[in-house]
């Protein structure tokens, strides 16, 4: 081959970059994403699905090499990555890149942490690995973004781009920790046969989506390890006739999204942090309903809500409408536009909506059900025009006195136009960590993430998270 393939160009970027070559804003962004990811994982530790993930991982045996949240003994790297990835994505509180609609950190950070810890790498090497892994993940997701439809082609095919691209980005992160440039090429080639994720659970229920980022991280670390034992992958794994883009996107992709400006134009700092623990499509609805509450409008004042959202979002937060108006669990409520209206109108915790607002009990609460019964979710042309660079909403309300009120939220909180401050992100972290960590442990973890590049021993950073569980704190 006379020209470098896409995988070879990504590998040259990953291996040719180092901590010392990373822009300051990329380093700081990575530290914040580690803090955010670990805080979310700590909060998710008591979930039944988290316990199931830990029980399965613990039952597999193997060498003790990496730390998993909620497990006192160390695990093989791929199993630690699996547990941490499951927990990081389980609360739908993890970061989002727009317009690819990926949640990159929940897969890449656990994979990089496990690979770095079992290789005895230091914090600087970890930051480098996460940075290039996130960049790879997001760029592969952007290659599947269709400008014409303004939607992810992955999503249109029923595929969870987060776990699919997360496995690839995680593989780059894991391989760059211990391998050379060729190892990164091979890891991409191997991981492509392990990448997976079907998104139907967003529509009609089930908790399998919580598994996706864990399996992506598991696949990523496993791929890098197999390459270390001599397995190889095709250099044309991405653009080849039977490669990644043909398999997932039926050959419709943008190669310039993968390599254009690679190494010079970093996408990592632009990844959106989530202020609320729910599907990102619902966040503007929370804000719009909260604006009504600030006007003094309450549930009894409203005859009907019409929530206008981008057309592609309807399937996730508005359909089937009878399901979205009556979620049976807190998890299902995270994907409900009508429930987001109830949270905003009644007032939430944390930064405006917190974990305590998405419980099974509140999902079935009669007062919230009464609000949700009044909500229609429709496609809004203006919102569709803005999507997916933002996740906007227009909330039109008919009051009981026959007057009408409209609240527009056209930018997404947590992005560059409405960024979360460090103090706000710290508030989110501490609220999450407090569910399973002591104040002293949370302070230690926050401090370690802030100075991650000074750490030689990553196990000491993660130690407060091992063995935590709400039942142990009770």
Protein backbone atom coordinates (compact mmCIF):
# COMPACT_ATOMS: atom_id res chain seq x y z
CA UNK A 1 0.00 0.00 0.00
CA UNK A 2 1.52 3.29 -1.13
CA UNK A 3 -0.56 5.46 1.24
CA UNK A 4 -1.09 4.98 4.92
CA UNK A 5 -4.48 3.53 5.80
CA UNK A 6 -6.81 5.24 8.25
CA UNK A 7 -5.78 2.86 11.03
CA UNK A 8 -2.13 3.52 10.30
CA UNK A 9 -2.69 7.28 10.42
CA UNK A 10 -4.52 6.97 13.75
CA UNK A 11 -1.72 4.79 15.08
CA UNK A 12 0.95 7.26 13.97
CA UNK A 13 -0.96 10.02 15.76
CA UNK A 14 -1.40 7.98 18.94
CA UNK A 15 2.14 6.69 19.16
CA UNK A 16 3.67 9.96 17.98
CA UNK A 17 1.88 11.97 20.64
CA UNK A 18 3.03 12.03 24.25
CA UNK A 19 1.98 13.73 27.46
CA UNK A 20 4.52 16.50 26.84
CA UNK A 21 3.03 17.19 23.40
CA UNK A 22 -0.58 17.44 24.57
CA UNK A 23 -2.14 20.93 24.64
CA UNK A 24 -2.80 22.19 28.17
CA UNK A 25 -6.56 22.27 27.59
CA UNK A 26 -6.51 18.60 26.55
CA UNK A 27 -4.63 17.57 29.70
CA UNK A 28 -7.03 19.50 31.92
CA UNK A 29 -10.05 18.12 30.06
CA UNK A 30 -8.80 14.55 30.53
CA UNK A 31 -8.32 15.08 34.27
CA UNK A 32 -11.88 16.41 34.59
CA UNK A 33 -13.23 13.45 32.63
CA UNK A 34 -11.46 10.97 34.88
CA UNK A 35 -12.95 12.78 37.89
CA UNK A 36 -16.41 12.79 36.32
CA UNK A 37 -16.25 9.14 35.25
CA UNK A 38 -15.06 7.85 38.62
CA UNK A 39 -17.68 9.89 40.47
CA UNK A 40 -20.42 8.41 38.32
CA UNK A 41 -19.04 4.90 38.79
CA UNK A 42 -18.99 5.40 42.56
CA UNK A 43 -22.62 6.50 42.53
CA UNK A 44 -23.60 3.51 40.37
CA UNK A 45 -21.91 0.96 42.64
CA UNK A 46 -25.08 -0.01 44.60
CA UNK A 47 -27.21 -0.75 41.52
CA UNK A 48 -28.39 -4.31 41.00
CA UNK A 49 -26.86 -4.29 37.54
CA UNK A 50 -23.55 -3.15 39.02
CA UNK A 51 -23.62 -6.00 41.51
CA UNK A 52 -24.38 -8.40 38.67
CA UNK A 53 -21.40 -7.09 36.68
CA UNK A 54 -19.12 -7.41 39.70
CA UNK A 55 -20.36 -10.91 40.51
CA UNK A 56 -19.77 -12.08 36.94
CA UNK A 57 -16.32 -10.50 36.74
CA UNK A 58 -15.29 -11.89 40.12
CA UNK A 59 -16.37 -15.38 39.09
CA UNK A 60 -14.05 -15.46 36.10
CA UNK A 61 -10.79 -15.76 38.05
CA UNK A 62 -7.42 -14.73 36.66
CA UNK A 63 -4.42 -12.67 37.69
CA UNK A 64 -4.94 -9.70 40.03
CA UNK A 65 -3.75 -6.74 37.98
CA UNK A 66 -6.24 -3.86 37.99
CA UNK A 67 -8.80 -2.19 40.27
CA UNK A 68 -12.56 -2.39 39.84
CA UNK A 69 -15.07 -0.17 41.61
CA UNK A 70 -16.74 -2.11 44.40
CA UNK A 71 -14.41 -5.14 44.38
CA UNK A 72 -11.81 -5.41 47.11
CA UNK A 73 -9.53 -7.76 45.21
CA UNK A 74 -7.89 -6.72 41.95
CA UNK A 75 -8.94 -8.38 38.70
CA UNK A 76 -7.43 -9.09 35.29
CA UNK A 77 -7.29 -5.85 33.33
CA UNK A 78 -10.09 -6.64 30.89
CA UNK A 79 -12.47 -7.63 33.71
CA UNK A 80 -11.67 -4.51 35.74
CA UNK A 81 -12.33 -2.46 32.62
CA UNK A 82 -15.64 -4.27 32.15
CA UNK A 83 -16.86 -3.52 35.67
CA UNK A 84 -15.80 0.12 35.59
CA UNK A 85 -17.29 0.65 32.14
CA UNK A 86 -20.64 -0.82 33.18
CA UNK A 87 -20.79 1.47 36.21
CA UNK A 88 -19.61 4.54 34.30
CA UNK A 89 -22.50 4.31 31.82
CA UNK A 90 -25.22 2.94 34.11
CA UNK A 91 -26.65 6.25 35.31
CA UNK A 92 -26.70 8.00 31.92
CA UNK A 93 -24.70 10.74 33.58
CA UNK A 94 -21.57 10.40 31.43
CA UNK A 95 -20.29 12.96 28.95
CA UNK A 96 -21.50 13.36 25.36
CA UNK A 97 -19.88 14.53 22.16
CA UNK A 98 -21.98 16.43 19.65
CA UNK A 99 -22.92 15.94 16.89
CA UNK A 100 -21.68 12.34 16.96
CA UNK A 101 -23.93 11.64 20.00
CA UNK A 102 -21.22 9.47 21.54
CA UNK A 103 -20.57 9.00 25.27
CA UNK A 104 -16.81 8.45 24.89
CA UNK A 105 -15.40 8.60 28.41
CA UNK A 106 -17.47 5.72 29.82
CA UNK A 107 -15.66 3.25 27.56
CA UNK A 108 -12.26 4.85 26.99
CA UNK A 109 -11.43 5.93 30.56
CA UNK A 110 -12.07 2.46 32.12
CA UNK A 111 -10.07 0.77 29.35
CA UNK A 112 -7.14 3.14 29.75
CA UNK A 113 -7.21 2.93 33.54
CA UNK A 114 -7.10 -0.87 33.53
CA UNK A 115 -4.40 -1.09 30.86
CA UNK A 116 -2.24 1.52 32.57
CA UNK A 117 -2.62 0.05 36.05
CA UNK A 118 -1.74 -3.49 35.05
CA UNK A 119 1.24 -2.19 33.09
CA UNK A 120 2.43 -0.10 36.08
CA UNK A 121 2.24 3.01 33.93
CA UNK A 122 2.15 6.43 35.56
CA UNK A 123 -0.42 9.22 35.45
CA UNK A 124 1.25 11.01 32.55
CA UNK A 125 1.08 7.89 30.40
CA UNK A 126 -2.53 7.42 31.43
CA UNK A 127 -3.48 10.97 30.43
CA UNK A 128 -1.79 10.47 27.06
CA UNK A 129 -3.65 7.18 26.52
CA UNK A 130 -7.04 8.64 27.43
CA UNK A 131 -6.50 11.70 25.22
CA UNK A 132 -5.68 9.72 22.06
CA UNK A 133 -8.36 7.13 22.86
CA UNK A 134 -11.07 9.75 23.26
CA UNK A 135 -9.94 11.54 20.10
CA UNK A 136 -10.07 8.28 18.13
CA UNK A 137 -13.49 7.37 19.51
CA UNK A 138 -15.05 10.72 18.68
CA UNK A 139 -13.52 10.90 15.21
CA UNK A 140 -14.82 7.45 14.28
CA UNK A 141 -18.24 8.52 15.51
CA UNK A 142 -18.07 11.67 13.42
CA UNK A 143 -17.22 9.60 10.35
CA UNK A 144 -20.71 8.14 10.72
CA UNK A 145 -22.45 11.49 11.10
CA UNK A 146 -24.70 12.23 8.10
CA UNK A 147 -24.80 15.96 7.44
CA UNK A 148 -27.80 15.59 5.16
CA UNK A 149 -30.03 13.87 7.72
CA UNK A 150 -28.26 15.52 10.68
CA UNK A 151 -28.12 12.21 12.46
CA UNK A 152 -25.76 9.38 13.22
CA UNK A 153 -25.90 6.63 10.62
CA UNK A 154 -24.95 4.21 13.38
CA UNK A 155 -28.08 5.26 15.27
CA UNK A 156 -30.26 5.00 12.16
CA UNK A 157 -29.16 1.37 11.84
CA UNK A 158 -30.08 0.63 15.46
CA UNK A 159 -26.44 0.56 16.54
CA UNK A 160 -25.02 2.02 19.74
CA UNK A 161 -22.17 4.11 18.37
CA UNK A 162 -20.91 4.73 21.89
CA UNK A 163 -19.99 1.11 22.51
CA UNK A 164 -18.96 0.39 18.92
CA UNK A 165 -16.61 3.37 18.59
CA UNK A 166 -15.75 3.15 22.29
CA UNK A 167 -14.23 -0.28 21.80
CA UNK A 168 -12.03 1.14 19.04
CA UNK A 169 -10.98 4.24 20.97
CA UNK A 170 -10.41 2.15 24.07
CA UNK A 171 -8.23 -0.24 22.08
CA UNK A 172 -6.04 2.64 20.95
CA UNK A 173 -5.76 3.84 24.55
CA UNK A 174 -4.89 0.37 25.85
CA UNK A 175 -2.42 -0.40 23.06
CA UNK A 176 -0.53 2.89 23.32
CA UNK A 177 0.19 2.24 27.01
CA UNK A 178 2.59 -0.62 26.31
CA UNK A 179 2.80 -1.08 22.55
CA UNK A 180 4.34 0.66 19.57
CA UNK A 181 2.69 2.16 16.50
CA UNK A 182 2.13 -1.24 14.87
CA UNK A 183 0.51 -2.52 18.05
CA UNK A 184 -2.07 0.26 17.80
CA UNK A 185 -2.85 -0.67 14.19
CA UNK A 186 -3.28 -4.30 15.16
CA UNK A 187 -5.37 -3.46 18.22
CA UNK A 188 -7.78 -1.49 16.03
CA UNK A 189 -7.90 -4.46 13.66
CA UNK A 190 -8.71 -6.91 16.45
CA UNK A 191 -11.14 -4.67 18.35
CA UNK A 192 -13.25 -4.14 15.23
CA UNK A 193 -14.29 -7.79 15.46
CA UNK A 194 -15.37 -7.26 19.07
CA UNK A 195 -17.16 -3.91 18.82
CA UNK A 196 -20.92 -4.17 19.29
CA UNK A 197 -24.10 -2.62 20.68
CA UNK A 198 -27.81 -2.58 19.81
CA UNK A 199 -29.81 0.42 21.03
CA UNK A 200 -33.38 -0.95 21.16
CA UNK A 201 -33.39 -0.83 24.99
CA UNK A 202 -33.61 2.98 24.71
CA UNK A 203 -37.08 2.58 23.24
CA UNK A 204 -38.81 -0.21 25.05
CA UNK A 205 -36.78 -1.02 28.16
CA UNK A 206 -34.28 -3.46 29.56
CA UNK A 207 -31.00 -2.72 31.34
CA UNK A 208 -28.63 -4.20 28.76
CA UNK A 209 -27.51 -0.75 27.62
CA UNK A 210 -25.67 -0.42 30.94
CA UNK A 211 -23.50 -3.30 29.77
CA UNK A 212 -22.38 -1.66 26.55
CA UNK A 213 -19.51 0.54 27.69
CA UNK A 214 -18.25 -2.20 30.00
CA UNK A 215 -18.10 -4.66 27.14
CA UNK A 216 -16.45 -2.04 24.93
CA UNK A 217 -13.76 -1.46 27.56
CA UNK A 218 -13.37 -5.22 28.03
CA UNK A 219 -12.98 -5.68 24.27
CA UNK A 220 -10.48 -2.83 24.11
CA UNK A 221 -8.17 -4.21 26.78
CA UNK A 222 -8.55 -7.77 25.49
CA UNK A 223 -7.63 -6.65 21.98
CA UNK A 224 -4.46 -4.91 23.13
CA UNK A 225 -3.50 -7.95 25.22
CA UNK A 226 -4.05 -10.34 22.31
CA UNK A 227 -1.88 -8.16 20.11
CA UNK A 228 0.78 -8.34 22.79
CA UNK A 229 0.65 -12.12 22.44
CA UNK A 230 1.11 -11.93 18.67
CA UNK A 231 -2.36 -11.60 17.16
CA UNK A 232 -2.60 -9.16 14.26
CA UNK A 233 -5.31 -7.20 12.49
CA UNK A 234 -5.82 -5.93 8.94
CA UNK A 235 -4.30 -2.49 8.26
CA UNK A 236 -7.40 -1.64 6.18
CA UNK A 237 -9.73 -2.52 9.04
CA UNK A 238 -11.58 0.79 8.83
CA UNK A 239 -12.01 1.61 5.14
CA UNK A 240 -11.54 -1.87 3.64
CA UNK A 241 -14.11 -3.60 1.45
CA UNK A 242 -15.17 -5.72 4.40
CA UNK A 243 -14.02 -3.33 7.09
CA UNK A 244 -15.50 -1.41 9.98
CA UNK A 245 -17.27 1.30 7.95
CA UNK A 246 -18.70 -1.17 5.46
CA UNK A 247 -19.99 -3.45 8.21
CA UNK A 248 -21.58 -0.77 10.36
CA UNK A 249 -22.33 2.09 7.96
CA UNK A 250 -22.77 0.17 4.69
CA UNK A 251 -19.84 2.11 3.25
CA UNK A 252 -21.30 5.59 3.86
CA UNK A 253 -18.74 7.49 5.91
CA UNK A 254 -16.55 10.58 5.88
CA UNK A 255 -12.82 9.69 5.98
CA UNK A 256 -11.80 13.32 6.55
CA UNK A 257 -13.62 13.21 9.90
CA UNK A 258 -11.13 10.55 10.99
CA UNK A 259 -7.87 12.19 9.98
CA UNK A 260 -8.58 15.82 9.11
CA UNK A 261 -6.50 18.04 11.42
CA UNK A 262 -5.48 14.99 13.45
CA UNK A 263 -3.02 16.04 16.12
CA UNK A 264 -3.59 19.76 15.51
CA UNK A 265 -7.33 20.15 16.06
CA UNK A 266 -8.34 18.33 19.24
CA UNK A 267 -12.00 17.42 19.75
CA UNK A 268 -11.57 16.23 23.34
CA UNK A 269 -12.08 19.60 25.11
CA UNK A 270 -15.40 20.10 23.30
CA UNK A 271 -17.06 16.97 24.68
CA UNK A 272 -20.14 18.01 26.69
CA UNK A 273 -20.35 17.24 30.41
CA UNK A 274 -23.80 16.17 31.63
CA UNK A 275 -25.37 18.23 34.42
CA UNK A 276 -28.34 15.84 34.77
CA UNK A 277 -28.39 12.02 35.15
CA UNK A 278 -30.63 11.28 32.18
CA UNK A 279 -30.50 10.83 28.44
CA UNK A 280 -28.99 13.98 27.00
CA UNK A 281 -31.98 14.51 24.70
CA UNK A 282 -34.08 15.30 27.79
CA UNK A 283 -31.89 18.00 29.33
CA UNK A 284 -33.37 20.99 27.55
CA UNK A 285 -36.82 19.80 28.61
CA UNK A 286 -35.71 19.89 32.24
CA UNK A 287 -34.43 23.44 31.76
CA UNK A 288 -37.59 24.60 29.98
CA UNK A 289 -39.87 23.22 32.68
CA UNK A 290 -37.65 24.69 35.39
CA UNK A 291 -38.08 28.09 33.70
CA UNK A 292 -41.86 27.66 34.04
CA UNK A 293 -41.42 26.92 37.73
CA UNK A 294 -39.33 30.09 38.12
CA UNK A 295 -42.25 32.02 36.61
CA UNK A 296 -44.47 30.65 39.36
CA UNK A 297 -46.29 28.15 37.14
CA UNK A 298 -47.17 24.86 38.83
CA UNK A 299 -48.70 21.56 37.71
CA UNK A 300 -52.26 22.65 38.54
CA UNK A 301 -51.89 25.73 36.34
CA UNK A 302 -51.28 23.70 33.18
CA UNK A 303 -53.85 22.14 30.90
CA UNK A 304 -51.43 20.79 28.28
CA UNK A 305 -47.68 20.67 27.53
CA UNK A 306 -46.30 20.31 24.02
CA UNK A 307 -42.61 19.47 24.05
CA UNK A 308 -41.00 20.21 20.69
CA UNK A 309 -37.72 18.38 20.07
CA UNK A 310 -35.53 17.48 17.10
CA UNK A 311 -37.26 14.88 14.95
CA UNK A 312 -34.54 12.23 15.43
CA UNK A 313 -34.96 12.44 19.21
CA UNK A 314 -38.62 11.40 19.17
CA UNK A 315 -37.85 7.69 19.07
CA UNK A 316 -35.73 7.92 22.20
CA UNK A 317 -37.68 10.26 24.49
CA UNK A 318 -41.17 10.45 22.98
CA UNK A 319 -42.07 7.05 21.53
CA UNK A 320 -44.02 5.01 22.31
CA UNK A 321 -45.73 7.93 24.02
CA UNK A 322 -47.81 5.72 26.33
CA UNK A 323 -44.55 4.20 27.63
CA UNK A 324 -42.84 7.57 27.99
CA UNK A 325 -45.81 8.99 29.96
CA UNK A 326 -45.75 6.11 32.42
CA UNK A 327 -42.18 4.84 33.01
CA UNK A 328 -42.13 1.92 35.42
CA UNK A 329 -38.58 2.46 36.67
CA UNK A 330 -36.19 5.29 37.37
CA UNK A 331 -34.03 3.98 34.54
CA UNK A 332 -36.91 4.17 32.06
CA UNK A 333 -37.63 7.69 33.33
CA UNK A 334 -34.17 8.77 32.22
CA UNK A 335 -35.31 8.30 28.62
CA UNK A 336 -38.68 10.04 28.97
CA UNK A 337 -39.41 13.55 27.72
CA UNK A 338 -42.59 13.74 29.80
CA UNK A 339 -40.70 12.75 32.93
CA UNK A 340 -38.10 15.47 32.25
CA UNK A 341 -40.94 18.01 32.28
CA UNK A 342 -42.08 16.67 35.66
CA UNK A 343 -38.57 16.95 37.11
CA UNK A 344 -38.09 20.52 35.93
CA UNK A 345 -41.55 21.67 36.93
CA UNK A 346 -41.46 20.13 40.40
CA UNK A 347 -37.81 20.99 41.07
CA UNK A 348 -34.82 18.69 41.25
CA UNK A 349 -31.66 18.19 43.27
CA UNK A 350 -27.97 18.69 42.43
CA UNK A 351 -27.45 21.06 39.52
CA UNK A 352 -31.20 21.04 38.77
CA UNK A 353 -31.86 17.33 38.40
CA UNK A 354 -29.95 14.76 40.40
CA UNK A 355 -29.86 11.05 40.98
CA UNK A 356 -32.45 11.30 43.74
CA UNK A 357 -34.97 12.50 41.12
CA UNK A 358 -34.75 9.29 39.06
CA UNK A 359 -35.95 6.51 41.33
CA UNK A 360 -38.45 3.72 40.72
CA UNK A 361 -40.76 5.24 43.33
CA UNK A 362 -40.75 8.71 41.75
CA UNK A 363 -41.25 7.24 38.27
CA UNK A 364 -44.56 5.86 39.53
CA UNK A 365 -45.41 8.82 41.76
CA UNK A 366 -49.05 9.90 41.11
CA UNK A 367 -48.19 13.59 41.07
CA UNK A 368 -45.51 13.07 38.42
CA UNK A 369 -47.73 10.71 36.46
CA UNK A 370 -50.38 13.45 36.41
CA UNK A 371 -47.87 15.89 34.90
CA UNK A 372 -46.63 13.34 32.37
CA UNK A 373 -50.18 12.54 31.25
CA UNK A 374 -50.46 16.14 30.02
CA UNK A 375 -47.30 16.02 27.87
CA UNK A 376 -47.19 15.52 24.11
CA UNK A 377 -43.78 15.16 22.46
CA UNK A 378 -43.58 16.35 18.86
CA UNK A 379 -40.98 17.11 16.23
CA UNK A 380 -40.11 20.80 16.07
CA UNK A 381 -38.70 22.11 12.80
CA UNK A 382 -36.52 24.75 14.44
CA UNK A 383 -35.06 22.25 16.89
CA UNK A 384 -34.42 19.78 14.08
CA UNK A 385 -32.48 22.48 12.25
CA UNK A 386 -30.19 23.01 15.25
CA UNK A 387 -29.73 19.30 16.07
CA UNK A 388 -27.33 17.58 16.59
CA UNK A 389 -24.88 20.36 17.38
CA UNK A 390 -27.18 21.07 20.32
CA UNK A 391 -30.11 19.15 21.83
CA UNK A 392 -32.71 21.94 21.95
CA UNK A 393 -36.32 21.99 23.08
CA UNK A 394 -39.30 24.32 22.75
CA UNK A 395 -41.94 23.87 25.43
CA UNK A 396 -45.37 25.28 24.61
CA UNK A 397 -47.86 25.36 27.46
CA UNK A 398 -51.58 25.93 27.47
CA UNK A 399 -52.64 27.14 30.90
CA UNK A 400 -55.96 26.50 32.59
CA UNK A 401 -56.94 30.15 32.03
CA UNK A 402 -56.57 29.49 28.25
CA UNK A 403 -53.41 31.60 27.94
CA UNK A 404 -50.24 30.17 26.41
CA UNK A 405 -46.62 30.31 27.48
CA UNK A 406 -43.53 29.24 25.51
CA UNK A 407 -40.07 28.46 26.87
CA UNK A 408 -37.21 27.92 24.42
CA UNK A 409 -33.94 26.22 25.37
CA UNK A 410 -31.80 26.16 22.25
CA UNK A 411 -28.37 25.40 23.71
CA UNK A 412 -27.33 22.44 25.82
CA UNK A 413 -25.98 23.06 29.30
CA UNK A 414 -22.51 21.59 29.80
CA UNK A 415 -21.22 22.46 26.33
CA UNK A 416 -19.01 25.30 25.17
CA UNK A 417 -21.92 27.79 24.95
CA UNK A 418 -23.20 26.98 28.46
CA UNK A 419 -20.21 25.31 30.12
CA UNK A 420 -20.14 23.84 33.57
CA UNK A 421 -17.63 25.57 35.79
CA UNK A 422 -15.08 23.55 37.71
CA UNK A 423 -17.08 24.23 40.87
CA UNK A 424 -20.26 22.91 39.22
CA UNK A 425 -18.49 19.76 38.05
CA UNK A 426 -17.03 19.34 41.53
CA UNK A 427 -20.55 19.65 42.95
CA UNK A 428 -21.70 16.90 40.63
CA UNK A 429 -18.71 14.73 41.58
CA UNK A 430 -19.19 15.18 45.32
CA UNK A 431 -22.92 14.46 45.13
CA UNK A 432 -22.15 11.28 43.21
CA UNK A 433 -19.23 10.18 45.37
CA UNK A 434 -21.11 10.84 48.60
CA UNK A 435 -23.46 7.98 47.80
CA UNK A 436 -20.71 5.45 48.51
CA UNK A 437 -17.57 7.29 49.70
CA UNK A 438 -16.84 9.16 52.89
CA UNK A 439 -16.11 12.87 52.59
CA UNK A 440 -12.44 12.15 53.26
CA UNK A 441 -12.30 9.52 50.52
CA UNK A 442 -14.07 11.82 48.06
CA UNK A 443 -11.61 14.64 48.81
CA UNK A 444 -8.67 12.30 48.30
CA UNK A 445 -10.02 11.04 44.98
CA UNK A 446 -10.77 14.55 43.73
CA UNK A 447 -7.29 15.70 44.68
CA UNK A 448 -5.70 12.71 42.97
CA UNK A 449 -7.59 13.37 39.72
CA UNK A 450 -6.62 17.05 39.84
CA UNK A 451 -2.94 16.07 40.08
CA UNK A 452 -3.14 12.86 38.08
CA UNK A 453 0.01 13.63 36.12
CA UNK A 454 2.05 13.57 39.34
CA UNK A 455 1.09 10.01 40.27
CA UNK A 456 3.40 7.08 39.67
CA UNK A 457 1.12 4.52 41.33
CA UNK A 458 -2.37 4.44 39.82
CA UNK A 459 -3.59 1.77 42.22
CA UNK A 460 -3.29 4.29 45.05
CA UNK A 461 -5.56 6.66 43.13
CA UNK A 462 -8.26 4.03 42.70
CA UNK A 463 -7.96 2.39 46.12
CA UNK A 464 -10.82 4.39 47.75
CA UNK A 465 -13.22 2.95 45.16
CA UNK A 466 -12.43 -0.71 45.79
CA UNK A 467 -14.99 -2.56 47.89
CA UNK A 468 -17.48 0.29 48.19
CA UNK A 469 -21.16 -0.54 48.40
CA UNK A 470 -24.14 1.18 49.96
CA UNK A 471 -24.82 -1.92 52.10
CA UNK A 472 -21.31 -1.73 53.54
CA UNK A 473 -21.82 1.96 54.40
CA UNK A 474 -25.22 1.38 56.04
